[in-house]
Protein backbone atom coordinates (compact mmCIF):
# COMPACT_ATOMS: atom_id res chain seq x y z
CA MET A 1 96.95 224.58 -67.16
CA TYR A 2 96.40 221.37 -65.27
CA CYS A 3 97.09 220.63 -61.61
CA LYS A 4 100.35 218.73 -61.05
CA LYS A 5 98.76 216.51 -58.42
CA CYS A 6 95.15 215.77 -59.39
CA GLY A 7 95.24 216.69 -63.10
CA LYS A 8 92.15 218.92 -63.06
CA GLU A 9 92.10 222.02 -65.23
CA MET A 10 92.72 225.33 -63.49
CA ASP A 11 93.68 228.94 -64.29
CA GLU A 12 97.27 229.69 -65.32
CA ASN A 13 97.91 232.23 -62.55
CA MET A 14 96.77 230.12 -59.59
CA ALA A 15 99.45 229.14 -57.06
CA PHE A 16 97.32 226.41 -55.50
CA CYS A 17 94.83 223.97 -57.01
CA PRO A 18 91.25 224.85 -56.00
CA TYR A 19 90.31 221.14 -56.03
CA CYS A 20 93.09 219.42 -54.08
CA GLY A 21 95.06 222.35 -52.62
CA ALA A 22 98.42 221.27 -54.07
CA GLY A 23 100.99 224.02 -54.68
CA GLN A 24 101.90 224.65 -58.32
CA ALA A 25 105.03 226.84 -58.03
CA ASP A 26 107.68 224.21 -57.26
CA GLY A 27 108.82 223.32 -60.81
CA ALA A 28 107.50 220.65 -63.11
CA ALA A 29 106.00 217.55 -61.62
CA PRO A 30 107.45 214.17 -62.58
CA GLY A 31 106.37 213.02 -66.01
CA MET A 32 105.40 216.49 -67.24
CA ASP A 33 106.82 217.94 -70.41
CA ALA A 34 107.57 221.68 -69.96
CA GLY A 35 104.41 222.40 -67.96
CA ARG A 36 102.07 220.41 -70.17
CA TYR A 37 99.99 217.74 -68.53
CA SER A 38 98.00 215.07 -70.28
CA PRO A 39 94.72 214.26 -68.54
CA PRO A 40 94.68 211.01 -66.58
CA ALA A 41 93.54 207.75 -68.17
CA PRO A 42 89.86 206.87 -67.88
CA ALA A 43 88.84 205.54 -64.49
CA ASP A 44 89.84 201.96 -63.88
CA ALA A 45 86.96 199.69 -62.94
CA ARG A 46 86.11 196.02 -62.86
CA SER A 47 84.48 194.85 -66.04
CA GLY A 48 82.07 191.93 -66.28
CA GLY A 49 82.08 192.19 -70.07
CA PHE A 50 85.82 191.75 -70.31
CA ALA A 51 85.69 188.94 -67.74
CA PHE A 52 83.11 187.09 -69.87
CA LEU A 53 85.10 187.68 -73.05
CA CYS A 54 88.23 186.33 -71.37
CA PHE A 55 86.24 183.36 -70.04
CA LEU A 56 85.33 182.45 -73.61
CA PHE A 57 88.82 183.17 -74.99
CA PRO A 58 91.42 182.62 -72.24
CA LEU A 59 94.37 183.56 -74.47
CA VAL A 60 92.79 186.98 -75.02
CA GLY A 61 92.40 187.25 -71.24
CA LEU A 62 96.07 186.53 -70.68
CA ILE A 63 97.10 189.12 -73.27
CA LEU A 64 94.76 191.79 -71.85
CA TYR A 65 95.96 191.03 -68.33
CA LEU A 66 99.58 191.51 -69.33
CA VAL A 67 98.81 194.72 -71.22
CA TRP A 68 96.66 196.33 -68.48
CA LYS A 69 98.27 195.05 -65.27
CA ASP A 70 100.19 198.30 -64.64
CA THR A 71 97.84 200.93 -66.08
CA MET A 72 94.40 199.49 -65.21
CA PRO A 73 94.87 196.86 -62.49
CA LEU A 74 91.17 196.33 -61.67
CA ARG A 75 90.21 195.71 -65.28
CA ALA A 76 93.30 193.52 -65.74
CA ARG A 77 92.30 191.47 -62.70
CA SER A 78 88.82 190.95 -64.20
CA CYS A 79 90.40 189.68 -67.41
CA GLY A 80 92.77 187.42 -65.52
CA LYS A 81 89.99 185.91 -63.40
CA GLY A 82 87.85 185.29 -66.46
CA ALA A 83 90.74 183.57 -68.23
CA ILE A 84 91.58 181.39 -65.22
CA ILE A 85 87.96 180.35 -64.74
CA GLY A 86 87.68 179.54 -68.44
CA VAL A 87 90.78 177.33 -68.38
CA VAL A 88 89.74 175.55 -65.16
CA LEU A 89 86.25 174.78 -66.49
CA TYR A 90 87.72 173.58 -69.79
CA VAL A 91 89.97 171.14 -67.92
CA VAL A 92 87.10 169.95 -65.69
CA PHE A 93 84.83 169.32 -68.68
CA LEU A 94 87.65 167.57 -70.53
CA ILE A 95 88.21 165.21 -67.59
CA LEU A 96 84.47 164.52 -67.30
CA TYR A 97 84.30 163.85 -71.03
CA ILE A 98 87.18 161.37 -70.82
CA ILE A 99 85.56 159.61 -67.85
CA ILE A 100 82.24 159.30 -69.69
CA VAL A 101 83.91 157.99 -72.87
CA VAL A 102 85.90 155.40 -70.90
CA ALA A 103 82.73 154.32 -69.05
CA ILE A 104 80.84 153.88 -72.34
CA ILE A 105 83.69 151.91 -73.88
CA ALA A 106 83.94 149.70 -70.79
CA GLN A 107 80.18 149.10 -70.81
CA ALA A 108 80.24 148.22 -74.52
CA ALA A 109 83.18 145.86 -73.99
CA SER A 110 81.46 144.09 -71.09
CA ALA A 111 78.23 143.75 -73.10
CA ALA A 112 80.14 142.27 -76.05
CA ALA A 113 81.90 139.78 -73.78
CA ILE A 114 78.64 138.28 -72.59
């Protein structure tokens, strides 16, 4: 059987969890199906790999953020930050590119006018 509070495995006949001390006799905990408990999801952590992936592909970052925002908020935040940084840098480089192209065209036009 698993503890209703912390989810760690314990003996069937124990009234209290040896890990967290929570009582086990007061009926089923919320979300449990007839005394069965599924182990918790893997630990949520920030992820530099996902942040970099989302930096390269901001749409993927947006999708991963929306999927993970409730279940793994730290990892979702990494994806969201990577996507935002990717979009901001794309816009900055696009503006710089446009400025450089306009400057080259203006320089070529002024040289042709002479």
